[in-house]
C-alpha cells in the first residue's frame, strides 16, 4: 500500500476522525480537555503555508490511515 502525507487543510472532511484519534491517544495529558476543544485546535491548524499545520496520512485510494 502506498501512503502519502497530505495537509489536513486539503482533506478537512477527515478532521472529526483525526480529532477523535488524538483525543483517545493524548486526552490523558489534559483530562479536562474535550473532543470539541481538540477539533477546534485542529481547525486552527488548517494551513498549508504557516504553522501550526496539521498533516495526515492517506492511502492511494484516499482513505485516511493516520495523522
PDB file of N, CA and C in Angstrom:
ATOM      1  N   UNK A   1       0.853  -1.180   0.000  1.00  0.00           N
ATOM      2  CA  UNK A   1       0.000   0.000   0.000  1.00  0.00           C
ATOM      3  C   UNK A   1       0.891   1.233   0.000  1.00  0.00           C
ATOM      4  N   UNK A   2       0.585   2.174  -0.863  1.00  0.00           N
ATOM      5  CA  UNK A   2       1.289   3.448  -0.904  1.00  0.00           C
ATOM      6  C   UNK A   2       0.561   4.432  -0.008  1.00  0.00           C
ATOM      7  N   UNK A   3       1.337   5.132   0.818  1.00  0.00           N
ATOM      8  CA  UNK A   3       0.765   6.123   1.730  1.00  0.00           C
ATOM      9  C   UNK A   3       1.398   7.474   1.433  1.00  0.00           C
ATOM     10  N   UNK A   4       0.550   8.481   1.344  1.00  0.00           N
ATOM     11  CA  UNK A   4       1.007   9.850   1.089  1.00  0.00           C
ATOM     12  C   UNK A   4       0.767  10.704   2.326  1.00  0.00           C
ATOM     13  N   UNK A   5       1.660  11.660   2.546  1.00  0.00           N
ATOM     14  CA  UNK A   5       1.447  12.671   3.569  1.00  0.00           C
ATOM     15  C   UNK A   5       0.764  13.848   2.905  1.00  0.00           C
ATOM     16  N   UNK A   6      -0.353  14.270   3.466  1.00  0.00           N
ATOM     17  CA  UNK A   6      -1.147  15.361   2.894  1.00  0.00           C
ATOM     18  C   UNK A   6      -1.465  16.367   3.994  1.00  0.00           C
ATOM     19  N   UNK A   7      -1.847  17.561   3.597  1.00  0.00           N
ATOM     20  CA  UNK A   7      -2.308  18.564   4.545  1.00  0.00           C
ATOM     21  C   UNK A   7      -3.755  18.264   4.927  1.00  0.00           C
ATOM     22  N   UNK A   8      -4.048  18.312   6.212  1.00  0.00           N
ATOM     23  CA  UNK A   8      -5.436  18.174   6.645  1.00  0.00           C
ATOM     24  C   UNK A   8      -6.290  19.267   6.017  1.00  0.00           C
ATOM     25  N   UNK A   9      -5.704  20.419   5.757  1.00  0.00           N
ATOM     26  CA  UNK A   9      -6.433  21.528   5.126  1.00  0.00           C
ATOM     27  C   UNK A   9      -7.018  21.119   3.772  1.00  0.00           C
ATOM     28  N   UNK A  10      -6.370  20.182   3.093  1.00  0.00           N
ATOM     29  CA  UNK A  10      -6.863  19.716   1.789  1.00  0.00           C
ATOM     30  C   UNK A  10      -7.865  18.581   1.912  1.00  0.00           C
ATOM     31  N   UNK A  11      -8.043  18.075   3.121  1.00  0.00           N
ATOM     32  CA  UNK A  11      -8.939  16.937   3.362  1.00  0.00           C
ATOM     33  C   UNK A  11      -9.689  17.155   4.670  1.00  0.00           C
ATOM     34  N   UNK A  12     -10.227  18.334   4.861  1.00  0.00           N
ATOM     35  CA  UNK A  12     -10.826  18.669   6.160  1.00  0.00           C
ATOM     36  C   UNK A  12     -12.035  17.822   6.514  1.00  0.00           C
ATOM     37  N   UNK A  13     -12.529  17.047   5.584  1.00  0.00           N
ATOM     38  CA  UNK A  13     -13.605  16.102   5.889  1.00  0.00           C
ATOM     39  C   UNK A  13     -13.133  15.087   6.937  1.00  0.00           C
ATOM     40  N   UNK A  14     -11.813  14.884   7.035  1.00  0.00           N
ATOM     41  CA  UNK A  14     -11.254  13.930   7.981  1.00  0.00           C
ATOM     42  C   UNK A  14     -11.008  14.531   9.368  1.00  0.00           C
ATOM     43  N   UNK A  15     -11.255  15.814   9.531  1.00  0.00           N
ATOM     44  CA  UNK A  15     -10.981  16.466  10.803  1.00  0.00           C
ATOM     45  C   UNK A  15     -11.661  15.784  11.993  1.00  0.00           C
ATOM     46  N   UNK A  16     -12.928  15.426  11.924  1.00  0.00           N
ATOM     47  CA  UNK A  16     -13.550  14.766  13.076  1.00  0.00           C
ATOM     48  C   UNK A  16     -12.858  13.456  13.476  1.00  0.00           C
ATOM     49  N   UNK A  17     -12.450  12.662  12.500  1.00  0.00           N
ATOM     50  CA  UNK A  17     -11.778  11.396  12.804  1.00  0.00           C
ATOM     51  C   UNK A  17     -10.412  11.637  13.429  1.00  0.00           C
ATOM     52  N   UNK A  18      -9.660  12.587  12.887  1.00  0.00           N
ATOM     53  CA  UNK A  18      -8.343  12.902  13.447  1.00  0.00           C
ATOM     54  C   UNK A  18      -8.495  13.425  14.874  1.00  0.00           C
ATOM     55  N   UNK A  19      -9.464  14.281  15.102  1.00  0.00           N
ATOM     56  CA  UNK A  19      -9.706  14.796  16.456  1.00  0.00           C
ATOM     57  C   UNK A  19     -10.024  13.655  17.407  1.00  0.00           C
ATOM     58  N   UNK A  20     -10.840  12.727  16.966  1.00  0.00           N
ATOM     59  CA  UNK A  20     -11.195  11.570  17.803  1.00  0.00           C
ATOM     60  C   UNK A  20      -9.962  10.737  18.118  1.00  0.00           C
ATOM     61  N   UNK A  21      -9.165  10.415  17.101  1.00  0.00           N
ATOM     62  CA  UNK A  21      -7.955   9.636  17.325  1.00  0.00           C
ATOM     63  C   UNK A  21      -7.032  10.326  18.324  1.00  0.00           C
ATOM     64  N   UNK A  22      -6.808  11.627  18.118  1.00  0.00           N
ATOM     65  CA  UNK A  22      -5.906  12.354  19.007  1.00  0.00           C
ATOM     66  C   UNK A  22      -6.459  12.425  20.420  1.00  0.00           C
ATOM     67  N   UNK A  23      -7.753  12.614  20.534  1.00  0.00           N
ATOM     68  CA  UNK A  23      -8.366  12.690  21.863  1.00  0.00           C
ATOM     69  C   UNK A  23      -8.199  11.360  22.608  1.00  0.00           C
ATOM     70  N   UNK A  24      -8.381  10.259  21.918  1.00  0.00           N
ATOM     71  CA  UNK A  24      -8.222   8.943  22.539  1.00  0.00           C
ATOM     72  C   UNK A  24      -6.764   8.714  22.938  1.00  0.00           C
ATOM     73  N   UNK A  25      -5.834   9.053  22.052  1.00  0.00           N
ATOM     74  CA  UNK A  25      -4.421   8.777  22.306  1.00  0.00           C
ATOM     75  C   UNK A  25      -3.782   9.727  23.312  1.00  0.00           C
ATOM     76  N   UNK A  26      -4.166  11.002  23.282  1.00  0.00           N
ATOM     77  CA  UNK A  26      -3.459  12.010  24.071  1.00  0.00           C
ATOM     78  C   UNK A  26      -4.328  12.726  25.090  1.00  0.00           C
ATOM     79  N   UNK A  27      -5.589  12.350  25.196  1.00  0.00           N
ATOM     80  CA  UNK A  27      -6.502  13.010  26.122  1.00  0.00           C
ATOM     81  C   UNK A  27      -6.058  12.953  27.568  1.00  0.00           C
ATOM     82  N   UNK A  28      -5.313  11.923  27.928  1.00  0.00           N
ATOM     83  CA  UNK A  28      -4.847  11.796  29.310  1.00  0.00           C
ATOM     84  C   UNK A  28      -3.904  12.940  29.707  1.00  0.00           C
ATOM     85  N   UNK A  29      -3.288  13.590  28.718  1.00  0.00           N
ATOM     86  CA  UNK A  29      -2.383  14.695  29.019  1.00  0.00           C
ATOM     87  C   UNK A  29      -3.127  15.923  29.527  1.00  0.00           C
ATOM     88  N   UNK A  30      -4.393  16.034  29.156  1.00  0.00           N
ATOM     89  CA  UNK A  30      -5.242  17.129  29.621  1.00  0.00           C
ATOM     90  C   UNK A  30      -6.637  16.542  29.867  1.00  0.00           C
ATOM     91  N   UNK A  31      -6.844  15.920  31.017  1.00  0.00           N
ATOM     92  CA  UNK A  31      -8.115  15.239  31.284  1.00  0.00           C
ATOM     93  C   UNK A  31      -9.335  16.157  31.214  1.00  0.00           C
ATOM     94  N   UNK A  32      -9.150  17.446  31.414  1.00  0.00           N
ATOM     95  CA  UNK A  32     -10.284  18.376  31.342  1.00  0.00           C
ATOM     96  C   UNK A  32     -10.595  18.782  29.905  1.00  0.00           C
ATOM     97  N   UNK A  33      -9.711  18.447  28.974  1.00  0.00           N
ATOM     98  CA  UNK A  33      -9.916  18.816  27.576  1.00  0.00           C
ATOM     99  C   UNK A  33     -11.023  17.994  26.938  1.00  0.00           C
ATOM    100  N   UNK A  34     -11.756  18.621  26.052  1.00  0.00           N
ATOM    101  CA  UNK A  34     -12.865  17.946  25.377  1.00  0.00           C
ATOM    102  C   UNK A  34     -12.517  17.638  23.930  1.00  0.00           C
ATOM    103  N   UNK A  35     -13.283  16.754  23.354  1.00  0.00           N
ATOM    104  CA  UNK A  35     -13.123  16.431  21.934  1.00  0.00           C
ATOM    105  C   UNK A  35     -13.341  17.682  21.091  1.00  0.00           C
ATOM    106  N   UNK A  36     -14.308  18.498  21.443  1.00  0.00           N
ATOM    107  CA  UNK A  36     -14.578  19.725  20.687  1.00  0.00           C
ATOM    108  C   UNK A  36     -13.395  20.694  20.752  1.00  0.00           C
ATOM    109  N   UNK A  37     -12.749  20.784  21.898  1.00  0.00           N
ATOM    110  CA  UNK A  37     -11.563  21.640  22.011  1.00  0.00           C
ATOM    111  C   UNK A  37     -10.440  21.132  21.114  1.00  0.00           C
ATOM    112  N   UNK A  38     -10.287  19.830  21.067  1.00  0.00           N
ATOM    113  CA  UNK A  38      -9.253  19.257  20.196  1.00  0.00           C
ATOM    114  C   UNK A  38      -9.583  19.539  18.732  1.00  0.00           C
ATOM    115  N   UNK A  39     -10.849  19.405  18.361  1.00  0.00           N
ATOM    116  CA  UNK A  39     -11.258  19.718  16.985  1.00  0.00           C
ATOM    117  C   UNK A  39     -11.018  21.193  16.674  1.00  0.00           C
ATOM    118  N   UNK A  40     -11.273  22.066  17.630  1.00  0.00           N
ATOM    119  CA  UNK A  40     -11.013  23.496  17.429  1.00  0.00           C
ATOM    120  C   UNK A  40      -9.531  23.750  17.187  1.00  0.00           C
ATOM    121  N   UNK A  41      -8.664  23.071  17.935  1.00  0.00           N
ATOM    122  CA  UNK A  41      -7.222  23.243  17.726  1.00  0.00           C
ATOM    123  C   UNK A  41      -6.814  22.761  16.335  1.00  0.00           C
ATOM    124  N   UNK A  42      -7.419  21.669  15.895  1.00  0.00           N
ATOM    125  CA  UNK A  42      -7.119  21.193  14.542  1.00  0.00           C
ATOM    126  C   UNK A  42      -7.625  22.181  13.488  1.00  0.00           C
ATOM    127  N   UNK A  43      -8.798  22.763  13.709  1.00  0.00           N
ATOM    128  CA  UNK A  43      -9.308  23.776  12.769  1.00  0.00           C
ATOM    129  C   UNK A  43      -8.342  24.951  12.679  1.00  0.00           C
ATOM    130  N   UNK A  44      -7.730  25.299  13.809  1.00  0.00           N
ATOM    131  CA  UNK A  44      -6.747  26.386  13.824  1.00  0.00           C
ATOM    132  C   UNK A  44      -5.462  26.006  13.097  1.00  0.00           C
ATOM    133  N   UNK A  45      -5.298  24.731  12.770  1.00  0.00           N
ATOM    134  CA  UNK A  45      -4.095  24.255  12.083  1.00  0.00           C
ATOM    135  C   UNK A  45      -4.372  23.890  10.623  1.00  0.00           C
ATOM    136  N   UNK A  46      -5.471  24.338  10.081  1.00  0.00           N
ATOM    137  CA  UNK A  46      -5.806  24.037   8.679  1.00  0.00           C
ATOM    138  C   UNK A  46      -5.089  25.020   7.751  1.00  0.00           C
ATOM    139  N   UNK A  47      -3.762  24.922   7.747  1.00  0.00           N
ATOM    140  CA  UNK A  47      -2.919  25.781   6.915  1.00  0.00           C
ATOM    141  C   UNK A  47      -1.985  24.909   6.089  1.00  0.00           C
ATOM    142  N   UNK A  48      -1.548  25.467   4.989  1.00  0.00           N
ATOM    143  CA  UNK A  48      -0.542  24.805   4.168  1.00  0.00           C
ATOM    144  C   UNK A  48       0.732  25.625   4.095  1.00  0.00           C
ATOM    145  N   UNK A  49       0.660  26.888   4.518  1.00  0.00           N
ATOM    146  CA  UNK A  49       1.797  27.784   4.317  1.00  0.00           C
ATOM    147  C   UNK A  49       2.336  28.421   5.595  1.00  0.00           C
ATOM    148  N   UNK A  50       1.831  27.999   6.737  1.00  0.00           N
ATOM    149  CA  UNK A  50       2.328  28.539   8.005  1.00  0.00           C
ATOM    150  C   UNK A  50       1.981  27.588   9.143  1.00  0.00           C
ATOM    151  N   UNK A  51       2.655  27.802  10.238  1.00  0.00           N
ATOM    152  CA  UNK A  51       2.396  26.999  11.435  1.00  0.00           C
ATOM    153  C   UNK A  51       1.311  27.651  12.255  1.00  0.00           C
ATOM    154  N   UNK A  52       0.526  26.925  13.001  1.00  0.00           N
ATOM    155  CA  UNK A  52       0.526  25.462  13.039  1.00  0.00           C
ATOM    156  C   UNK A  52      -0.136  24.875  11.797  1.00  0.00           C
ATOM    157  N   UNK A  53       0.272  23.693  11.436  1.00  0.00           N
ATOM    158  CA  UNK A  53      -0.361  22.969  10.336  1.00  0.00           C
ATOM    159  C   UNK A  53      -0.533  21.515  10.751  1.00  0.00           C
ATOM    160  N   UNK A  54      -1.553  20.902  10.232  1.00  0.00           N
ATOM    161  CA  UNK A  54      -1.846  19.501  10.548  1.00  0.00           C
ATOM    162  C   UNK A  54      -1.635  18.659   9.298  1.00  0.00           C
ATOM    163  N   UNK A  55      -0.989  17.519   9.480  1.00  0.00           N
ATOM    164  CA  UNK A  55      -0.725  16.593   8.393  1.00  0.00           C
ATOM    165  C   UNK A  55      -1.447  15.283   8.665  1.00  0.00           C
ATOM    166  N   UNK A  56      -1.808  14.604   7.595  1.00  0.00           N
ATOM    167  CA  UNK A  56      -2.449  13.296   7.712  1.00  0.00           C
ATOM    168  C   UNK A  56      -1.776  12.328   6.754  1.00  0.00           C
ATOM    169  N   UNK A  57      -1.997  11.053   6.983  1.00  0.00           N
ATOM    170  CA  UNK A  57      -1.537  10.000   6.080  1.00  0.00           C
ATOM    171  C   UNK A  57      -2.755   9.459   5.344  1.00  0.00           C
ATOM    172  N   UNK A  58      -2.640   9.384   4.019  1.00  0.00           N
ATOM    173  CA  UNK A  58      -3.755   8.980   3.164  1.00  0.00           C
ATOM    174  C   UNK A  58      -3.280   7.856   2.243  1.00  0.00           C
ATOM    175  N   UNK A  59      -4.096   6.822   2.111  1.00  0.00           N
ATOM    176  CA  UNK A  59      -3.751   5.728   1.197  1.00  0.00           C
ATOM    177  C   UNK A  59      -3.926   6.195  -0.239  1.00  0.00           C
ATOM    178  N   UNK A  60      -3.436   5.402  -1.156  1.00  0.00           N
ATOM    179  CA  UNK A  60      -3.567   5.764  -2.571  1.00  0.00           C
ATOM    180  C   UNK A  60      -5.024   5.823  -3.016  1.00  0.00           C
ATOM    181  N   UNK A  61      -5.914   5.172  -2.272  1.00  0.00           N
ATOM    182  CA  UNK A  61      -7.339   5.230  -2.565  1.00  0.00           C
ATOM    183  C   UNK A  61      -8.010   6.451  -1.920  1.00  0.00           C
ATOM    184  N   UNK A  62      -7.231   7.220  -1.155  1.00  0.00           N
ATOM    185  CA  UNK A  62      -7.784   8.409  -0.500  1.00  0.00           C
ATOM    186  C   UNK A  62      -8.320   8.147   0.890  1.00  0.00           C
ATOM    187  N   UNK A  63      -8.075   6.964   1.429  1.00  0.00           N
ATOM    188  CA  UNK A  63      -8.566   6.605   2.759  1.00  0.00           C
ATOM    189  C   UNK A  63      -7.611   7.132   3.818  1.00  0.00           C
ATOM    190  N   UNK A  64      -8.161   7.720   4.864  1.00  0.00           N
ATOM    191  CA  UNK A  64      -7.359   8.203   5.993  1.00  0.00           C
ATOM    192  C   UNK A  64      -6.772   7.016   6.732  1.00  0.00           C
ATOM    193  N   UNK A  65      -5.443   7.012   6.906  1.00  0.00           N
ATOM    194  CA  UNK A  65      -4.804   5.901   7.588  1.00  0.00           C
ATOM    195  C   UNK A  65      -3.974   6.343   8.791  1.00  0.00           C
ATOM    196  N   UNK A  66      -3.814   7.653   9.008  1.00  0.00           N
ATOM    197  CA  UNK A  66      -3.049   8.116  10.151  1.00  0.00           C
ATOM    198  C   UNK A  66      -2.945   9.613  10.182  1.00  0.00           C
ATOM    199  N   UNK A  67      -2.385  10.078  11.283  1.00  0.00           N
ATOM    200  CA  UNK A  67      -2.155  11.528  11.415  1.00  0.00           C
ATOM    201  C   UNK A  67      -0.860  11.756  12.162  1.00  0.00           C
TER     202      UNK A  67
END
